Each structure stands twice: as C-alpha cells, then as structure tokens.
Amino acid sequence: MTMSYLEHARHDNGVIELRCLGPSKFSGFFDDLDALWDAAQSVSESHNIFTTLNRPEDRLKATNRLATGIRCSRDADMALITR
C-alpha cells in the first residue's frame, strides 16, 4: 500500500475502510490519510491489512482509528460497487 494508492482511493470514495486480520481483528473508517497510514503501519508487521475498493454509503462515518468489535462493511453498505 502506498500513499499514492490511498490518495486515489480517498478521492474516489471519500472514506476508506481499513481491515486488519491476524492474531486479532481490527477495522476502521478513515478520511484522514495520515491517520490511515499510521494505523496501517502500526499493525503491518503482525496483521494482514487491506482496504475496501468501493465507496461506502454516507452513513458510514470516518472515525480515523482502528477498533476491535466494530462491524465491517458489507455489500449493502456500499453506495457503488464496481465489478
């Protein structure tokens, strides 16, 4: 993941979901690229990380932090799904 990728994703989607799977599961919605980058870097050694590719509905607000126990987005949460 590069900052350029994140800049394009935020431009296209507004909000980016970051998911982290490993010994534990974290997720978060970000519109602050620096916060997203820092969050990804903090778990990149111990977790598999990935972002959503589709634009979420406006009701999914950015918290700009990772948390456990929050529901990850589903297809129904996406405003547009690119196939």
PDB file of N, CA and C in Angstrom:
ATOM      1  N   MET A   1       0.863  -1.162   0.000  1.00  0.00           N
ATOM      2  CA  MET A   1       0.000   0.000   0.000  1.00  0.00           C
ATOM      3  C   MET A   1       0.909   1.225   0.000  1.00  0.00           C
ATOM      4  N   THR A   2       0.594   2.167  -0.876  1.00  0.00           N
ATOM      5  CA  THR A   2       1.362   3.401  -0.944  1.00  0.00           C
ATOM      6  C   THR A   2       0.449   4.591  -0.662  1.00  0.00           C
ATOM      7  N   MET A   3       1.059   5.710  -0.330  1.00  0.00           N
ATOM      8  CA  MET A   3       0.265   6.912  -0.091  1.00  0.00           C
ATOM      9  C   MET A   3      -0.457   7.330  -1.369  1.00  0.00           C
ATOM     10  N   SER A   4       0.149   7.113  -2.521  1.00  0.00           N
ATOM     11  CA  SER A   4      -0.499   7.436  -3.789  1.00  0.00           C
ATOM     12  C   SER A   4      -1.790   6.626  -3.966  1.00  0.00           C
ATOM     13  N   TYR A   5      -1.724   5.328  -3.660  1.00  0.00           N
ATOM     14  CA  TYR A   5      -2.918   4.482  -3.726  1.00  0.00           C
ATOM     15  C   TYR A   5      -4.005   5.036  -2.804  1.00  0.00           C
ATOM     16  N   LEU A   6      -3.613   5.387  -1.575  1.00  0.00           N
ATOM     17  CA  LEU A   6      -4.587   5.898  -0.611  1.00  0.00           C
ATOM     18  C   LEU A   6      -5.189   7.221  -1.065  1.00  0.00           C
ATOM     19  N   GLU A   7      -4.387   8.079  -1.650  1.00  0.00           N
ATOM     20  CA  GLU A   7      -4.895   9.358  -2.154  1.00  0.00           C
ATOM     21  C   GLU A   7      -5.934   9.134  -3.249  1.00  0.00           C
ATOM     22  N   HIS A   8      -5.662   8.205  -4.160  1.00  0.00           N
ATOM     23  CA  HIS A   8      -6.626   7.900  -5.223  1.00  0.00           C
ATOM     24  C   HIS A   8      -7.896   7.281  -4.642  1.00  0.00           C
ATOM     25  N   ALA A   9      -7.747   6.377  -3.705  1.00  0.00           N
ATOM     26  CA  ALA A   9      -8.915   5.725  -3.101  1.00  0.00           C
ATOM     27  C   ALA A   9      -9.778   6.739  -2.359  1.00  0.00           C
ATOM     28  N   ARG A  10      -9.158   7.642  -1.615  1.00  0.00           N
ATOM     29  CA  ARG A  10      -9.948   8.653  -0.899  1.00  0.00           C
ATOM     30  C   ARG A  10     -10.624   9.587  -1.882  1.00  0.00           C
ATOM     31  N   HIS A  11      -9.931   9.953  -2.940  1.00  0.00           N
ATOM     32  CA  HIS A  11     -10.540  10.821  -3.945  1.00  0.00           C
ATOM     33  C   HIS A  11     -11.779  10.157  -4.539  1.00  0.00           C
ATOM     34  N   ASP A  12     -11.680   8.872  -4.847  1.00  0.00           N
ATOM     35  CA  ASP A  12     -12.795   8.141  -5.448  1.00  0.00           C
ATOM     36  C   ASP A  12     -13.906   7.833  -4.454  1.00  0.00           C
ATOM     37  N   ASN A  13     -13.550   7.542  -3.209  1.00  0.00           N
ATOM     38  CA  ASN A  13     -14.519   7.001  -2.253  1.00  0.00           C
ATOM     39  C   ASN A  13     -14.866   7.920  -1.096  1.00  0.00           C
ATOM     40  N   GLY A  14     -14.045   8.894  -0.796  1.00  0.00           N
ATOM     41  CA  GLY A  14     -14.295   9.772   0.341  1.00  0.00           C
ATOM     42  C   GLY A  14     -13.836   9.164   1.646  1.00  0.00           C
ATOM     43  N   VAL A  15     -14.311   7.974   1.942  1.00  0.00           N
ATOM     44  CA  VAL A  15     -13.964   7.262   3.178  1.00  0.00           C
ATOM     45  C   VAL A  15     -13.411   5.884   2.788  1.00  0.00           C
ATOM     46  N   ILE A  16     -12.346   5.481   3.461  1.00  0.00           N
ATOM     47  CA  ILE A  16     -11.700   4.194   3.196  1.00  0.00           C
ATOM     48  C   ILE A  16     -11.796   3.333   4.442  1.00  0.00           C
ATOM     49  N   GLU A  17     -12.233   2.102   4.274  1.00  0.00           N
ATOM     50  CA  GLU A  17     -12.214   1.161   5.392  1.00  0.00           C
ATOM     51  C   GLU A  17     -10.888   0.400   5.367  1.00  0.00           C
ATOM     52  N   LEU A  18     -10.229   0.353   6.505  1.00  0.00           N
ATOM     53  CA  LEU A  18      -9.012  -0.433   6.668  1.00  0.00           C
ATOM     54  C   LEU A  18      -9.353  -1.626   7.551  1.00  0.00           C
ATOM     55  N   ARG A  19      -9.065  -2.822   7.060  1.00  0.00           N
ATOM     56  CA  ARG A  19      -9.277  -4.044   7.842  1.00  0.00           C
ATOM     57  C   ARG A  19      -7.935  -4.692   8.119  1.00  0.00           C
ATOM     58  N   CYS A  20      -7.792  -5.214   9.310  1.00  0.00           N
ATOM     59  CA  CYS A  20      -6.549  -5.846   9.747  1.00  0.00           C
ATOM     60  C   CYS A  20      -6.903  -7.202  10.338  1.00  0.00           C
ATOM     61  N   LEU A  21      -6.388  -8.261   9.723  1.00  0.00           N
ATOM     62  CA  LEU A  21      -6.670  -9.615  10.176  1.00  0.00           C
ATOM     63  C   LEU A  21      -5.373 -10.282  10.591  1.00  0.00           C
ATOM     64  N   GLY A  22      -5.377 -10.882  11.740  1.00  0.00           N
ATOM     65  CA  GLY A  22      -4.193 -11.561  12.264  1.00  0.00           C
ATOM     66  C   GLY A  22      -4.540 -12.200  13.585  1.00  0.00           C
ATOM     67  N   PRO A  23      -3.669 -12.045  14.565  1.00  0.00           N
ATOM     68  CA  PRO A  23      -3.971 -12.598  15.886  1.00  0.00           C
ATOM     69  C   PRO A  23      -5.248 -11.999  16.469  1.00  0.00           C
ATOM     70  N   SER A  24      -5.567 -10.789  16.040  1.00  0.00           N
ATOM     71  CA  SER A  24      -6.818 -10.133  16.409  1.00  0.00           C
ATOM     72  C   SER A  24      -7.358  -9.450  15.156  1.00  0.00           C
ATOM     73  N   LYS A  25      -8.582  -8.940  15.229  1.00  0.00           N
ATOM     74  CA  LYS A  25      -9.208  -8.311  14.073  1.00  0.00           C
ATOM     75  C   LYS A  25      -9.509  -6.858  14.418  1.00  0.00           C
ATOM     76  N   PHE A  26      -9.045  -5.955  13.568  1.00  0.00           N
ATOM     77  CA  PHE A  26      -9.301  -4.527  13.721  1.00  0.00           C
ATOM     78  C   PHE A  26      -9.932  -4.007  12.446  1.00  0.00           C
ATOM     79  N   SER A  27     -10.685  -2.945  12.566  1.00  0.00           N
ATOM     80  CA  SER A  27     -11.255  -2.292  11.411  1.00  0.00           C
ATOM     81  C   SER A  27     -11.482  -0.832  11.763  1.00  0.00           C
ATOM     82  N   GLY A  28     -11.535  -0.004  10.747  1.00  0.00           N
ATOM     83  CA  GLY A  28     -11.831   1.404  10.963  1.00  0.00           C
ATOM     84  C   GLY A  28     -12.089   2.099   9.649  1.00  0.00           C
ATOM     85  N   PHE A  29     -12.828   3.200   9.723  1.00  0.00           N
ATOM     86  CA  PHE A  29     -13.126   4.016   8.554  1.00  0.00           C
ATOM     87  C   PHE A  29     -12.340   5.311   8.663  1.00  0.00           C
ATOM     88  N   PHE A  30     -11.675   5.683   7.573  1.00  0.00           N
ATOM     89  CA  PHE A  30     -10.758   6.815   7.581  1.00  0.00           C
ATOM     90  C   PHE A  30     -11.052   7.773   6.436  1.00  0.00           C
ATOM     91  N   ASP A  31     -10.956   9.060   6.737  1.00  0.00           N
ATOM     92  CA  ASP A  31     -10.893  10.084   5.693  1.00  0.00           C
ATOM     93  C   ASP A  31      -9.632  10.924   5.861  1.00  0.00           C
ATOM     94  N   ASP A  32      -8.886  10.669   6.922  1.00  0.00           N
ATOM     95  CA  ASP A  32      -7.603  11.316   7.191  1.00  0.00           C
ATOM     96  C   ASP A  32      -6.500  10.344   6.767  1.00  0.00           C
ATOM     97  N   LEU A  33      -5.808  10.667   5.677  1.00  0.00           N
ATOM     98  CA  LEU A  33      -4.810   9.746   5.133  1.00  0.00           C
ATOM     99  C   LEU A  33      -3.626   9.534   6.073  1.00  0.00           C
ATOM    100  N   ASP A  34      -3.227  10.553   6.802  1.00  0.00           N
ATOM    101  CA  ASP A  34      -2.117  10.378   7.737  1.00  0.00           C
ATOM    102  C   ASP A  34      -2.507   9.414   8.855  1.00  0.00           C
ATOM    103  N   ALA A  35      -3.733   9.530   9.358  1.00  0.00           N
ATOM    104  CA  ALA A  35      -4.206   8.610  10.398  1.00  0.00           C
ATOM    105  C   ALA A  35      -4.312   7.192   9.850  1.00  0.00           C
ATOM    106  N   LEU A  36      -4.782   7.064   8.616  1.00  0.00           N
ATOM    107  CA  LEU A  36      -4.877   5.746   7.973  1.00  0.00           C
ATOM    108  C   LEU A  36      -3.495   5.139   7.794  1.00  0.00           C
ATOM    109  N   TRP A  37      -2.561   5.912   7.304  1.00  0.00           N
ATOM    110  CA  TRP A  37      -1.193   5.435   7.102  1.00  0.00           C
ATOM    111  C   TRP A  37      -0.584   4.983   8.428  1.00  0.00           C
ATOM    112  N   ASP A  38      -0.731   5.803   9.467  1.00  0.00           N
ATOM    113  CA  ASP A  38      -0.180   5.452  10.781  1.00  0.00           C
ATOM    114  C   ASP A  38      -0.819   4.179  11.333  1.00  0.00           C
ATOM    115  N   ALA A  39      -2.138   4.044  11.173  1.00  0.00           N
ATOM    116  CA  ALA A  39      -2.835   2.849  11.651  1.00  0.00           C
ATOM    117  C   ALA A  39      -2.352   1.608  10.914  1.00  0.00           C
ATOM    118  N   ALA A  40      -2.218   1.711   9.607  1.00  0.00           N
ATOM    119  CA  ALA A  40      -1.751   0.567   8.811  1.00  0.00           C
ATOM    120  C   ALA A  40      -0.327   0.182   9.206  1.00  0.00           C
ATOM    121  N   GLN A  41       0.533   1.166   9.383  1.00  0.00           N
ATOM    122  CA  GLN A  41       1.914   0.892   9.760  1.00  0.00           C
ATOM    123  C   GLN A  41       2.000   0.248  11.147  1.00  0.00           C
ATOM    124  N   SER A  42       1.108   0.627  12.034  1.00  0.00           N
ATOM    125  CA  SER A  42       1.172   0.115  13.411  1.00  0.00           C
ATOM    126  C   SER A  42       0.865  -1.374  13.510  1.00  0.00           C
ATOM    127  N   VAL A  43       0.162  -1.927  12.526  1.00  0.00           N
ATOM    128  CA  VAL A  43      -0.192  -3.349  12.575  1.00  0.00           C
ATOM    129  C   VAL A  43       0.360  -4.151  11.395  1.00  0.00           C
ATOM    130  N   SER A  44       1.110  -3.524  10.522  1.00  0.00           N
ATOM    131  CA  SER A  44       1.551  -4.201   9.299  1.00  0.00           C
ATOM    132  C   SER A  44       2.503  -5.369   9.550  1.00  0.00           C
ATOM    133  N   GLU A  45       3.208  -5.367  10.641  1.00  0.00           N
ATOM    134  CA  GLU A  45       4.137  -6.464  10.947  1.00  0.00           C
ATOM    135  C   GLU A  45       3.409  -7.696  11.486  1.00  0.00           C
ATOM    136  N   SER A  46       2.253  -7.488  12.107  1.00  0.00           N
ATOM    137  CA  SER A  46       1.568  -8.590  12.778  1.00  0.00           C
ATOM    138  C   SER A  46       0.240  -8.985  12.139  1.00  0.00           C
ATOM    139  N   HIS A  47      -0.250  -8.212  11.193  1.00  0.00           N
ATOM    140  CA  HIS A  47      -1.567  -8.458  10.604  1.00  0.00           C
ATOM    141  C   HIS A  47      -1.506  -8.355   9.079  1.00  0.00           C
ATOM    142  N   ASN A  48      -2.430  -9.016   8.427  1.00  0.00           N
ATOM    143  CA  ASN A  48      -2.688  -8.784   7.011  1.00  0.00           C
ATOM    144  C   ASN A  48      -3.617  -7.583   6.939  1.00  0.00           C
ATOM    145  N   ILE A  49      -3.288  -6.619   6.115  1.00  0.00           N
ATOM    146  CA  ILE A  49      -4.107  -5.413   6.036  1.00  0.00           C
ATOM    147  C   ILE A  49      -4.618  -5.235   4.614  1.00  0.00           C
ATOM    148  N   PHE A  50      -5.837  -4.698   4.516  1.00  0.00           N
ATOM    149  CA  PHE A  50      -6.394  -4.389   3.213  1.00  0.00           C
ATOM    150  C   PHE A  50      -7.437  -3.305   3.341  1.00  0.00           C
ATOM    151  N   THR A  51      -7.757  -2.683   2.229  1.00  0.00           N
ATOM    152  CA  THR A  51      -8.758  -1.625   2.207  1.00  0.00           C
ATOM    153  C   THR A  51      -9.912  -2.045   1.316  1.00  0.00           C
ATOM    154  N   THR A  52     -11.044  -1.432   1.532  1.00  0.00           N
ATOM    155  CA  THR A  52     -12.176  -1.651   0.641  1.00  0.00           C
ATOM    156  C   THR A  52     -11.920  -0.901  -0.663  1.00  0.00           C
ATOM    157  N   LEU A  53     -12.482  -1.390  -1.741  1.00  0.00           N
ATOM    158  CA  LEU A  53     -12.311  -0.764  -3.044  1.00  0.00           C
ATOM    159  C   LEU A  53     -13.508   0.076  -3.453  1.00  0.00           C
ATOM    160  N   ASN A  54     -14.632  -0.115  -2.794  1.00  0.00           N
ATOM    161  CA  ASN A  54     -15.866   0.552  -3.191  1.00  0.00           C
ATOM    162  C   ASN A  54     -16.215   1.688  -2.234  1.00  0.00           C
ATOM    163  N   ARG A  55     -16.999   2.629  -2.743  1.00  0.00           N
ATOM    164  CA  ARG A  55     -17.399   3.798  -1.948  1.00  0.00           C
ATOM    165  C   ARG A  55     -18.522   3.414  -0.984  1.00  0.00           C
ATOM    166  N   PRO A  56     -18.288   3.624   0.332  1.00  0.00           N
ATOM    167  CA  PRO A  56     -19.333   3.306   1.299  1.00  0.00           C
ATOM    168  C   PRO A  56     -20.434   4.368   1.299  1.00  0.00           C
ATOM    169  N   GLU A  57     -21.585   3.969   1.799  1.00  0.00           N
ATOM    170  CA  GLU A  57     -22.693   4.909   1.986  1.00  0.00           C
ATOM    171  C   GLU A  57     -22.245   6.036   2.917  1.00  0.00           C
ATOM    172  N   ASP A  58     -22.879   7.191   2.772  1.00  0.00           N
ATOM    173  CA  ASP A  58     -22.524   8.345   3.592  1.00  0.00           C
ATOM    174  C   ASP A  58     -22.751   8.110   5.084  1.00  0.00           C
ATOM    175  N   ARG A  59     -23.615   7.178   5.433  1.00  0.00           N
ATOM    176  CA  ARG A  59     -23.900   6.924   6.852  1.00  0.00           C
ATOM    177  C   ARG A  59     -22.723   6.276   7.577  1.00  0.00           C
ATOM    178  N   LEU A  60     -21.774   5.712   6.839  1.00  0.00           N
ATOM    179  CA  LEU A  60     -20.583   5.130   7.453  1.00  0.00           C
ATOM    180  C   LEU A  60     -19.563   6.244   7.637  1.00  0.00           C
ATOM    181  N   LYS A  61     -19.496   6.774   8.830  1.00  0.00           N
ATOM    182  CA  LYS A  61     -18.661   7.932   9.121  1.00  0.00           C
ATOM    183  C   LYS A  61     -17.242   7.520   9.493  1.00  0.00           C
ATOM    184  N   ALA A  62     -16.308   8.353   9.133  1.00  0.00           N
ATOM    185  CA  ALA A  62     -14.903   8.122   9.463  1.00  0.00           C
ATOM    186  C   ALA A  62     -14.663   8.420  10.937  1.00  0.00           C
ATOM    187  N   THR A  63     -14.007   7.481  11.608  1.00  0.00           N
ATOM    188  CA  THR A  63     -13.573   7.700  12.992  1.00  0.00           C
ATOM    189  C   THR A  63     -12.069   7.934  13.048  1.00  0.00           C
ATOM    190  N   ASN A  64     -11.393   7.591  11.945  1.00  0.00           N
ATOM    191  CA  ASN A  64      -9.945   7.763  11.818  1.00  0.00           C
ATOM    192  C   ASN A  64      -9.159   7.036  12.901  1.00  0.00           C
ATOM    193  N   ARG A  65      -9.649   5.855  13.253  1.00  0.00           N
ATOM    194  CA  ARG A  65      -8.926   4.995  14.199  1.00  0.00           C
ATOM    195  C   ARG A  65      -9.367   3.552  13.993  1.00  0.00           C
ATOM    196  N   LEU A  66      -8.502   2.642  14.384  1.00  0.00           N
ATOM    197  CA  LEU A  66      -8.829   1.215  14.360  1.00  0.00           C
ATOM    198  C   LEU A  66      -9.472   0.837  15.677  1.00  0.00           C
ATOM    199  N   ALA A  67     -10.389  -0.102  15.626  1.00  0.00           N
ATOM    200  CA  ALA A  67     -11.031  -0.600  16.835  1.00  0.00           C
ATOM    201  C   ALA A  67     -11.371  -2.071  16.640  1.00  0.00           C
ATOM    202  N   THR A  68     -11.532  -2.772  17.738  1.00  0.00           N
ATOM    203  CA  THR A  68     -11.994  -4.155  17.677  1.00  0.00           C
ATOM    204  C   THR A  68     -13.495  -4.156  17.928  1.00  0.00           C
ATOM    205  N   GLY A  69     -14.145  -5.185  17.458  1.00  0.00           N
ATOM    206  CA  GLY A  69     -15.563  -5.366  17.756  1.00  0.00           C
ATOM    207  C   GLY A  69     -16.511  -4.500  16.947  1.00  0.00           C
ATOM    208  N   ILE A  70     -16.019  -3.748  15.982  1.00  0.00           N
ATOM    209  CA  ILE A  70     -16.945  -2.990  15.146  1.00  0.00           C
ATOM    210  C   ILE A  70     -17.276  -3.811  13.905  1.00  0.00           C
ATOM    211  N   ARG A  71     -18.453  -3.596  13.399  1.00  0.00           N
ATOM    212  CA  ARG A  71     -18.892  -4.347  12.227  1.00  0.00           C
ATOM    213  C   ARG A  71     -18.189  -3.816  10.986  1.00  0.00           C
ATOM    214  N   CYS A  72     -17.635  -4.723  10.223  1.00  0.00           N
ATOM    215  CA  CYS A  72     -17.011  -4.353   8.954  1.00  0.00           C
ATOM    216  C   CYS A  72     -18.101  -4.095   7.928  1.00  0.00           C
ATOM    217  N   SER A  73     -17.760  -3.364   6.896  1.00  0.00           N
ATOM    218  CA  SER A  73     -18.747  -3.057   5.861  1.00  0.00           C
ATOM    219  C   SER A  73     -19.122  -4.313   5.082  1.00  0.00           C
ATOM    220  N   ARG A  74     -20.333  -4.273   4.530  1.00  0.00           N
ATOM    221  CA  ARG A  74     -20.843  -5.345   3.687  1.00  0.00           C
ATOM    222  C   ARG A  74     -21.279  -4.745   2.359  1.00  0.00           C
ATOM    223  N   ASP A  75     -21.632  -5.570   1.408  1.00  0.00           N
ATOM    224  CA  ASP A  75     -22.094  -5.072   0.114  1.00  0.00           C
ATOM    225  C   ASP A  75     -23.225  -4.070   0.268  1.00  0.00           C
ATOM    226  N   ALA A  76     -24.143  -4.329   1.182  1.00  0.00           N
ATOM    227  CA  ALA A  76     -25.286  -3.446   1.390  1.00  0.00           C
ATOM    228  C   ALA A  76     -24.883  -2.068   1.916  1.00  0.00           C
ATOM    229  N   ASP A  77     -23.672  -1.947   2.445  1.00  0.00           N
ATOM    230  CA  ASP A  77     -23.170  -0.668   2.966  1.00  0.00           C
ATOM    231  C   ASP A  77     -22.487   0.177   1.904  1.00  0.00           C
ATOM    232  N   MET A  78     -22.397  -0.334   0.689  1.00  0.00           N
ATOM    233  CA  MET A  78     -21.676   0.361  -0.356  1.00  0.00           C
ATOM    234  C   MET A  78     -22.636   1.177  -1.228  1.00  0.00           C
ATOM    235  N   ALA A  79     -22.249   2.411  -1.503  1.00  0.00           N
ATOM    236  CA  ALA A  79     -23.044   3.272  -2.379  1.00  0.00           C
ATOM    237  C   ALA A  79     -22.878   2.849  -3.834  1.00  0.00           C
ATOM    238  N   LEU A  80     -21.697   2.332  -4.144  1.00  0.00           N
ATOM    239  CA  LEU A  80     -21.393   1.911  -5.508  1.00  0.00           C
ATOM    240  C   LEU A  80     -20.446   0.741  -5.443  1.00  0.00           C
ATOM    241  N   ILE A  81     -20.782  -0.328  -6.134  1.00  0.00           N
ATOM    242  CA  ILE A  81     -19.913  -1.489  -6.192  1.00  0.00           C
ATOM    243  C   ILE A  81     -19.428  -1.635  -7.626  1.00  0.00           C
ATOM    244  N   THR A  82     -18.128  -1.556  -7.794  1.00  0.00           N
ATOM    245  CA  THR A  82     -17.529  -1.683  -9.111  1.00  0.00           C
ATOM    246  C   THR A  82     -17.231  -3.133  -9.379  1.00  0.00           C
ATOM    247  N   ARG A  83     -17.730  -3.652 -10.457  1.00  0.00           N
ATOM    248  CA  ARG A  83     -17.499  -5.062 -10.802  1.00  0.00           C
ATOM    249  C   ARG A  83     -16.697  -5.169 -12.071  1.00  0.00           C
TER     250      ARG A  83
END
